[in-house]
Amino acid sequence: MFLIGQYDSPFVRRTAIALRLYGIAFEHKPWSTFGDAETIAPYNPLRRVPTLVLDDGEALIESTAILDYLDELVGPEKAMIARAGAERRKQLRICSLASGLGDKAVSLVYERVLRKEQLKLWVERCEAQIGGVLSVLEQERAAVKTPYWFGTAIGHADIAVACVLRFTGEAHPALFDDRYPALQAHAAKCEALAPFKEIVQPLAPPSG
């Protein structure tokens, strides 16, 4: 199987890190959604990443759907999320908040580099959404006393948050700063792990 997308995307990165933690071999195709859009199109007509192409040619799109497949592949005992019930919903909520934060952080990058004059209303809305999510995640992470968000083992929520925090910090350093010490500590803990050190790429925004 091969994974399409560059590692400066928090969504591609979280997928690749999960693959590595699960011990699933994959080839990496670092194609850009801008420079390589037509190369991506046969696998994903949305021309978006991540896209995971299986050995039989089936293409999976969107990180949440890809991770759901990987969880099924490794089985419930190894999956980095609860199988069902309230615990699973709690974990999915953190993943969803992280994904939403990532979407808004990416939107702000595009607004900055692709539009000659930024739309003030849109920028303010995105910044308010980013700040709101960071505040909620900071409060909730500070209340957790276990090494990771939901216990002693790393899970999808931990990976999603850490990947999005790195992206946000690189893209918008004024938005993710020392106002969020619990999240900074969480990110540092994850980034110290071998898969995070291996699977990383400095942010390279598209040019306008």
Protein backbone atom coordinates (compact mmCIF):
# COMPACT_ATOMS: atom_id res chain seq x y z
CA MET A 1 0.00 0.00 0.00
CA PHE A 2 1.07 3.60 -0.42
CA LEU A 3 0.18 6.83 1.32
CA ILE A 4 -0.24 9.98 -0.74
CA GLY A 5 0.51 13.40 0.72
CA GLN A 6 3.24 15.49 2.28
CA TYR A 7 4.04 15.25 5.97
CA ASP A 8 3.58 18.95 6.59
CA SER A 9 -0.15 18.16 6.46
CA PRO A 10 -1.27 17.24 9.99
CA PHE A 11 -3.79 14.81 8.49
CA VAL A 12 -1.23 12.96 6.38
CA ARG A 13 1.20 12.95 9.28
CA ARG A 14 -1.27 11.50 11.80
CA THR A 15 -2.09 8.74 9.32
CA ALA A 16 1.56 7.91 8.69
CA ILE A 17 2.37 7.87 12.40
CA ALA A 18 -0.53 5.50 13.06
CA LEU A 19 0.71 3.21 10.28
CA ARG A 20 4.17 3.21 11.85
CA LEU A 21 2.87 2.58 15.38
CA TYR A 22 0.76 -0.29 14.08
CA GLY A 23 3.79 -1.76 12.32
CA ILE A 24 2.09 -1.64 8.92
CA ALA A 25 4.50 -1.25 6.01
CA PHE A 26 3.70 1.41 3.44
CA GLU A 27 5.30 3.38 0.64
CA HIS A 28 5.13 7.16 0.82
CA LYS A 29 4.21 9.29 -2.19
CA PRO A 30 4.92 12.91 -1.14
CA TRP A 31 2.65 14.44 -3.75
CA SER A 32 1.38 17.97 -3.29
CA THR A 33 -2.30 18.84 -3.63
CA PHE A 34 -1.24 21.89 -5.64
CA GLY A 35 1.75 20.78 -7.67
CA ASP A 36 0.64 17.18 -8.15
CA ALA A 37 -3.15 17.53 -8.19
CA GLU A 38 -3.57 15.72 -11.51
CA THR A 39 -1.35 12.88 -10.31
CA ILE A 40 -3.55 12.47 -7.22
CA ALA A 41 -6.84 12.73 -9.17
CA PRO A 42 -6.96 9.10 -10.45
CA TYR A 43 -6.83 7.91 -6.82
CA ASN A 44 -8.93 10.67 -5.27
CA PRO A 45 -11.10 12.91 -7.47
CA LEU A 46 -11.19 15.47 -4.66
CA ARG A 47 -7.42 15.82 -5.18
CA ARG A 48 -7.01 15.86 -1.42
CA VAL A 49 -4.70 14.13 1.02
CA PRO A 50 -4.25 11.82 2.78
CA THR A 51 -5.19 9.09 0.36
CA LEU A 52 -4.19 5.52 1.16
CA VAL A 53 -4.05 3.15 -1.80
CA LEU A 54 -4.29 -0.52 -0.81
CA ASP A 55 -2.47 -3.36 -2.52
CA ASP A 56 -5.60 -4.29 -4.50
CA GLY A 57 -5.91 -0.73 -5.82
CA GLU A 58 -8.73 0.43 -3.54
CA ALA A 59 -8.17 4.04 -2.49
CA LEU A 60 -9.24 5.23 0.96
CA ILE A 61 -9.73 8.96 1.50
CA GLU A 62 -9.87 11.20 4.59
CA SER A 63 -7.78 10.43 7.67
CA THR A 64 -10.73 9.38 9.83
CA ALA A 65 -11.88 6.75 7.33
CA ILE A 66 -8.32 5.54 6.79
CA LEU A 67 -7.71 5.14 10.52
CA ASP A 68 -11.00 3.28 10.89
CA TYR A 69 -9.75 0.79 8.30
CA LEU A 70 -6.38 0.46 10.03
CA ASP A 71 -8.10 -0.16 13.39
CA GLU A 72 -10.13 -2.92 11.81
CA LEU A 73 -7.01 -4.35 10.20
CA VAL A 74 -5.04 -4.63 13.46
CA GLY A 75 -8.03 -5.72 15.55
CA PRO A 76 -9.65 -4.31 18.70
CA GLU A 77 -6.86 -5.41 21.03
CA LYS A 78 -4.26 -3.31 19.19
CA ALA A 79 -6.48 -0.48 17.99
CA MET A 80 -5.56 2.92 19.42
CA ILE A 81 -9.17 3.76 20.26
CA ALA A 82 -11.92 2.15 22.30
CA ARG A 83 -14.09 -0.31 20.41
CA ALA A 84 -17.47 1.18 21.36
CA GLY A 85 -19.46 3.06 23.96
CA ALA A 86 -18.88 6.25 25.89
CA GLU A 87 -15.10 5.86 25.90
CA ARG A 88 -15.02 5.70 22.11
CA ARG A 89 -17.27 8.75 21.83
CA LYS A 90 -15.01 10.72 24.18
CA GLN A 91 -11.95 9.82 22.13
CA LEU A 92 -13.68 10.65 18.84
CA ARG A 93 -14.70 14.02 20.27
CA ILE A 94 -11.07 14.97 20.91
CA CYS A 95 -10.11 13.73 17.43
CA SER A 96 -12.92 15.80 15.92
CA LEU A 97 -11.87 18.93 17.79
CA ALA A 98 -8.29 18.41 16.64
CA SER A 99 -9.39 17.85 13.04
CA GLY A 100 -11.55 20.97 13.11
CA LEU A 101 -8.66 22.96 14.52
CA GLY A 102 -6.45 21.65 11.73
CA ASP A 103 -9.02 22.57 9.08
CA LYS A 104 -9.19 26.15 10.33
CA ALA A 105 -5.42 26.45 10.62
CA VAL A 106 -5.07 25.24 7.02
CA SER A 107 -7.79 27.64 5.88
CA LEU A 108 -5.89 30.54 7.40
CA VAL A 109 -2.73 29.51 5.56
CA TYR A 110 -4.61 29.44 2.27
CA GLU A 111 -6.18 32.80 3.06
CA ARG A 112 -2.75 34.27 3.66
CA VAL A 113 -0.92 32.88 0.64
CA LEU A 114 -3.63 32.59 -2.01
CA ARG A 115 -5.61 35.81 -1.57
CA LYS A 116 -4.03 39.18 -2.32
CA GLU A 117 -6.24 40.92 0.23
CA GLN A 118 -7.31 38.82 3.19
CA LEU A 119 -11.00 38.79 4.06
CA LYS A 120 -11.05 40.22 7.57
CA LEU A 121 -14.34 38.59 8.59
CA TRP A 122 -13.11 35.13 7.55
CA VAL A 123 -9.74 35.57 9.26
CA GLU A 124 -11.41 36.67 12.50
CA ARG A 125 -13.82 33.76 12.38
CA CYS A 126 -11.06 31.21 11.84
CA GLU A 127 -8.94 32.72 14.60
CA ALA A 128 -11.90 32.65 16.99
CA GLN A 129 -12.55 28.99 16.18
CA ILE A 130 -8.89 28.10 16.62
CA GLY A 131 -8.67 29.96 19.94
CA GLY A 132 -11.88 28.38 21.18
CA VAL A 133 -10.73 24.86 20.45
CA LEU A 134 -7.28 25.45 21.93
CA SER A 135 -8.84 26.76 25.15
CA VAL A 136 -11.11 23.73 25.49
CA LEU A 137 -8.33 21.27 24.73
CA GLU A 138 -5.97 23.05 27.14
CA GLN A 139 -8.49 22.86 29.98
CA GLU A 140 -9.26 19.21 29.36
CA ARG A 141 -5.65 18.12 28.89
CA ALA A 142 -4.62 19.93 32.09
CA ALA A 143 -7.22 17.89 34.00
CA VAL A 144 -5.80 14.58 32.76
CA LYS A 145 -3.26 13.00 35.10
CA THR A 146 -2.33 9.99 32.94
CA PRO A 147 0.64 10.10 30.54
CA TYR A 148 -1.67 10.21 27.54
CA TRP A 149 -5.14 11.63 27.06
CA PHE A 150 -7.01 8.43 27.81
CA GLY A 151 -4.56 6.37 29.83
CA THR A 152 -1.02 5.05 29.75
CA ALA A 153 -0.93 4.15 26.04
CA ILE A 154 -0.89 6.55 23.12
CA GLY A 155 -4.11 6.77 21.10
CA HIS A 156 -5.49 8.42 18.00
CA ALA A 157 -6.57 11.46 20.02
CA ASP A 158 -3.01 12.04 21.24
CA ILE A 159 -1.61 11.76 17.72
CA ALA A 160 -4.25 14.00 16.16
CA VAL A 161 -3.79 16.75 18.73
CA ALA A 162 0.01 16.64 18.57
CA CYS A 163 0.11 16.76 14.77
CA VAL A 164 -2.34 19.64 14.61
CA LEU A 165 -0.50 21.57 17.32
CA ARG A 166 2.77 21.32 15.42
CA PHE A 167 1.12 22.56 12.25
CA THR A 168 -0.66 25.41 14.03
CA GLY A 169 2.48 26.45 15.87
CA GLU A 170 4.50 26.58 12.65
CA ALA A 171 1.80 28.24 10.56
CA HIS A 172 0.41 30.64 13.16
CA PRO A 173 2.85 31.03 16.08
CA ALA A 174 0.87 33.93 17.53
CA LEU A 175 -2.17 31.67 17.97
CA PHE A 176 -0.48 28.72 19.70
CA ASP A 177 1.89 29.99 22.35
CA ASP A 178 2.65 29.77 26.07
CA ARG A 179 -0.98 30.41 26.95
CA TYR A 180 -1.41 26.65 26.50
CA PRO A 181 1.19 24.93 28.72
CA ALA A 182 -0.67 21.62 29.02
CA LEU A 183 -0.97 21.34 25.25
CA GLN A 184 2.66 22.33 24.77
CA ALA A 185 3.70 19.58 27.19
CA HIS A 186 1.44 17.09 25.40
CA ALA A 187 2.93 17.99 22.04
CA ALA A 188 6.49 17.74 23.37
CA LYS A 189 5.82 14.30 24.84
CA CYS A 190 4.50 12.99 21.54
CA GLU A 191 7.15 14.67 19.40
CA ALA A 192 9.84 12.94 21.47
CA LEU A 193 8.63 9.54 20.25
CA ALA A 194 10.52 7.85 17.41
CA PRO A 195 7.67 7.80 14.83
CA PHE A 196 7.06 11.52 15.33
CA LYS A 197 10.77 12.25 14.88
CA GLU A 198 10.89 10.12 11.74
CA ILE A 199 7.66 11.33 10.13
CA VAL A 200 7.97 15.10 10.02
CA GLN A 201 8.34 17.83 7.45
CA PRO A 202 8.72 21.58 7.92
CA LEU A 203 5.70 23.51 6.75
CA ALA A 204 5.94 24.48 3.08
CA PRO A 205 2.82 26.50 2.17
CA PRO A 206 1.74 26.76 -1.48
CA SER A 207 2.84 29.91 -3.23
CA GLY A 208 0.23 32.39 -4.33
